[in-house]
Amino acid sequence: MKSLTEFSTRQLTDHISTRHHAMAGATIAASATLACSLGEVCVRISIQHQNTDTERKAAEQVTERLGDIRQTLLTLADEDGAAITAFATLREAGQELQGQELLCQLPVHMGILTVEAATLMQDSRVLVQLHQDDLEMAIRLLDGAARSSTLLLDSNLRIWPDPALLTKYEPVLAGLREEIGKLKPVEQVRG
């Protein structure tokens, strides 16, 4: 079977909508990947318009890191798509906590990466001469993906209130929410 990221967009949406379980994590990672791509191109287009080598290099570094984040988010979409099957296998082997751990770690990783990407884009606002509106849309989309990743983690902790999971992930969840609170997506693009 194909991995999720090998599907066309139409195939992916059909696949997600016809499963017997909700694929929230894969959906979050895939949408964050698209948002990351949008922000990356906004910064990349602006490289040629930078006035100094320092600004060009800064923009190039941002696009390189956004590309890395985008690739990792694609991997996370695939991993999350396969995680339910892995969870069932671990549960049958008597290792349910290990499966739960996997399904908690994935949204954490997604949240960390989406916050990093949105922060990079925010910090790049001064570098983007063209497509500022598109950059703001990418930041807003990543803000939503980051918030969705915390909802997914919170949901998993509600479903599996195991003390070991709660001890490990409640502080991580609080930290992610704090980092998301530092994001400043705009409410409107007109003055």
Protein backbone atom coordinates (compact mmCIF):
# COMPACT_ATOMS: atom_id res chain seq x y z
CA MET A 1 0.00 0.00 0.00
CA LYS A 2 1.15 3.54 -0.73
CA SER A 3 2.21 5.82 2.08
CA LEU A 4 -0.13 8.76 2.62
CA THR A 5 2.24 11.26 1.08
CA GLU A 6 2.38 9.29 -2.15
CA PHE A 7 -1.32 9.91 -2.74
CA SER A 8 -2.56 12.80 -4.86
CA THR A 9 -4.48 15.40 -2.90
CA ARG A 10 -7.75 13.96 -4.18
CA GLN A 11 -6.71 10.41 -3.24
CA LEU A 12 -5.54 11.57 0.19
CA THR A 13 -8.81 13.31 1.00
CA ASP A 14 -10.77 10.27 -0.20
CA HIS A 15 -8.54 7.95 1.84
CA ILE A 16 -8.92 9.99 5.04
CA SER A 17 -12.69 10.35 4.63
CA THR A 18 -13.29 6.61 4.12
CA ARG A 19 -11.29 5.10 7.03
CA HIS A 20 -12.88 3.36 9.97
CA HIS A 21 -10.92 5.62 12.32
CA ALA A 22 -10.22 9.35 12.35
CA MET A 23 -6.79 10.29 11.01
CA ALA A 24 -6.42 13.58 12.88
CA GLY A 25 -2.64 13.43 13.24
CA ALA A 26 -1.98 12.68 9.59
CA THR A 27 -4.40 15.44 8.60
CA ILE A 28 -2.66 17.93 10.88
CA ALA A 29 0.79 17.03 9.56
CA ALA A 30 -0.34 17.15 5.93
CA SER A 31 -1.99 20.54 6.34
CA ALA A 32 1.07 21.88 8.17
CA THR A 33 3.21 20.66 5.28
CA LEU A 34 1.14 22.68 2.82
CA ALA A 35 1.34 25.78 5.02
CA CYS A 36 5.08 25.32 5.36
CA SER A 37 5.38 25.11 1.57
CA LEU A 38 3.46 28.35 1.15
CA GLY A 39 5.64 30.24 3.61
CA GLU A 40 8.80 28.75 2.15
CA VAL A 41 8.01 30.01 -1.34
CA CYS A 42 7.16 33.48 -0.03
CA VAL A 43 10.60 33.76 1.55
CA ARG A 44 12.32 32.15 -1.46
CA ILE A 45 10.74 34.61 -3.92
CA SER A 46 12.04 37.46 -1.77
CA ILE A 47 15.68 36.33 -1.81
CA GLN A 48 16.43 38.15 -5.05
CA HIS A 49 14.96 41.38 -3.65
CA GLN A 50 17.24 41.56 -0.62
CA ASN A 51 19.56 44.57 -0.45
CA THR A 52 22.54 42.92 1.20
CA ASP A 53 24.34 39.59 1.13
CA THR A 54 23.52 39.23 4.83
CA GLU A 55 19.79 39.54 4.13
CA ARG A 56 20.01 37.13 1.18
CA LYS A 57 21.87 34.61 3.29
CA ALA A 58 19.33 34.97 6.12
CA ALA A 59 16.46 34.35 3.70
CA GLU A 60 18.26 31.34 2.19
CA GLN A 61 18.80 29.87 5.66
CA VAL A 62 15.12 30.30 6.46
CA THR A 63 14.03 28.56 3.25
CA GLU A 64 16.48 25.74 3.89
CA ARG A 65 15.15 25.17 7.41
CA LEU A 66 11.53 25.43 6.24
CA GLY A 67 12.32 22.81 3.59
CA ASP A 68 13.72 20.52 6.29
CA ILE A 69 10.64 21.04 8.46
CA ARG A 70 8.38 20.38 5.48
CA GLN A 71 10.12 17.07 4.77
CA THR A 72 9.89 16.01 8.41
CA LEU A 73 6.18 16.89 8.52
CA LEU A 74 5.66 14.68 5.46
CA THR A 75 7.37 11.84 7.30
CA LEU A 76 5.19 12.47 10.36
CA ALA A 77 2.05 12.35 8.19
CA ASP A 78 3.12 8.92 6.96
CA GLU A 79 4.07 7.75 10.45
CA ASP A 80 0.80 8.91 11.91
CA GLY A 81 -1.08 7.25 9.07
CA ALA A 82 0.52 3.95 10.06
CA ALA A 83 0.38 4.55 13.83
CA ILE A 84 -3.08 3.09 14.44
CA THR A 85 -1.99 -0.20 12.90
CA ALA A 86 1.22 -0.11 14.96
CA PHE A 87 -0.83 0.65 18.07
CA ALA A 88 -3.10 -2.36 17.46
CA THR A 89 -0.05 -4.59 16.97
CA LEU A 90 1.58 -3.34 20.17
CA ARG A 91 -1.68 -3.74 22.12
CA GLU A 92 -2.02 -7.35 20.93
CA ALA A 93 1.58 -7.95 22.03
CA GLY A 94 0.76 -6.64 25.52
CA GLN A 95 2.63 -3.37 24.96
CA GLU A 96 -0.32 -0.99 24.87
CA LEU A 97 1.54 1.77 26.74
CA GLN A 98 4.25 1.75 24.08
CA GLY A 99 1.58 2.24 21.41
CA GLN A 100 -0.02 5.03 23.41
CA GLU A 101 3.39 6.63 23.81
CA LEU A 102 3.82 6.62 20.02
CA LEU A 103 0.43 8.26 19.51
CA CYS A 104 1.30 10.96 22.05
CA GLN A 105 4.80 11.63 20.72
CA LEU A 106 3.64 12.25 17.14
CA PRO A 107 1.48 15.32 17.90
CA VAL A 108 4.25 16.67 20.13
CA HIS A 109 6.71 16.49 17.26
CA MET A 110 4.16 18.06 14.90
CA GLY A 111 3.50 20.87 17.35
CA ILE A 112 7.17 21.64 17.88
CA LEU A 113 7.84 21.77 14.14
CA THR A 114 4.79 23.87 13.27
CA VAL A 115 5.64 26.40 15.97
CA GLU A 116 9.22 26.56 14.71
CA ALA A 117 8.08 27.07 11.11
CA ALA A 118 5.58 29.78 12.08
CA THR A 119 8.22 31.52 14.21
CA LEU A 120 10.70 31.45 11.33
CA MET A 121 8.09 33.01 9.07
CA GLN A 122 7.20 35.67 11.64
CA ASP A 123 10.86 36.54 12.01
CA SER A 124 11.13 36.71 8.19
CA ARG A 125 8.38 39.27 7.75
CA VAL A 126 11.01 41.99 7.28
CA LEU A 127 12.66 39.97 4.50
CA VAL A 128 9.52 39.42 2.45
CA GLN A 129 8.91 42.30 0.06
CA LEU A 130 6.44 40.45 -2.15
CA HIS A 131 3.69 38.09 -1.06
CA GLN A 132 3.44 39.44 2.49
CA ASP A 133 -0.25 38.51 2.53
CA ASP A 134 0.53 34.95 1.50
CA LEU A 135 3.18 34.72 4.22
CA GLU A 136 0.59 35.82 6.79
CA MET A 137 -1.80 33.14 5.55
CA ALA A 138 0.94 30.52 5.95
CA ILE A 139 1.62 31.72 9.50
CA ARG A 140 -2.11 31.54 10.32
CA LEU A 141 -2.36 28.02 8.87
CA LEU A 142 0.64 26.88 10.92
CA ASP A 143 -0.84 28.48 14.04
CA GLY A 144 -3.97 26.39 13.45
CA ALA A 145 -1.95 23.23 12.87
CA ALA A 146 0.04 23.82 16.04
CA ARG A 147 -3.13 24.35 18.06
CA SER A 148 -4.66 21.24 16.48
CA SER A 149 -1.62 19.19 17.48
CA THR A 150 -2.15 20.20 21.12
CA LEU A 151 -5.82 19.23 20.86
CA LEU A 152 -4.78 15.83 19.54
CA LEU A 153 -2.34 15.30 22.40
CA ASP A 154 -4.94 16.49 24.91
CA SER A 155 -7.48 14.08 23.40
CA ASN A 156 -5.06 11.17 23.65
CA LEU A 157 -4.38 12.00 27.30
CA ARG A 158 -8.13 12.11 27.95
CA ILE A 159 -8.64 8.73 26.27
CA TRP A 160 -5.61 7.18 28.02
CA PRO A 161 -5.29 8.80 31.46
CA ASP A 162 -2.37 6.54 32.38
CA PRO A 163 -0.29 8.19 35.15
CA ALA A 164 2.95 7.58 33.23
CA LEU A 165 1.58 9.31 30.13
CA LEU A 166 0.12 12.19 32.13
CA THR A 167 3.36 12.73 34.04
CA LYS A 168 5.36 12.81 30.85
CA TYR A 169 3.05 14.69 28.50
CA GLU A 170 1.08 17.19 30.58
CA PRO A 171 4.18 19.40 31.06
CA VAL A 172 5.01 19.02 27.35
CA LEU A 173 1.46 20.03 26.46
CA ALA A 174 1.69 23.10 28.69
CA GLY A 175 5.02 24.04 27.12
CA LEU A 176 3.64 23.69 23.61
CA ARG A 177 0.65 25.86 24.48
CA GLU A 178 3.01 28.48 25.90
CA GLU A 179 5.09 28.49 22.69
CA ILE A 180 1.95 28.74 20.57
CA GLY A 181 0.93 31.74 22.65
CA LYS A 182 4.06 33.51 21.39
CA LEU A 183 2.88 33.27 17.80
CA LYS A 184 1.38 36.47 16.46
CA PRO A 185 -0.60 35.73 13.31
CA VAL A 186 -2.33 38.80 11.94
CA GLU A 187 -6.11 39.11 12.08
CA GLN A 188 -6.35 40.99 8.80
CA VAL A 189 -4.02 42.05 6.03
CA ARG A 190 -5.57 45.44 5.32
CA GLY A 191 -4.27 48.22 7.62
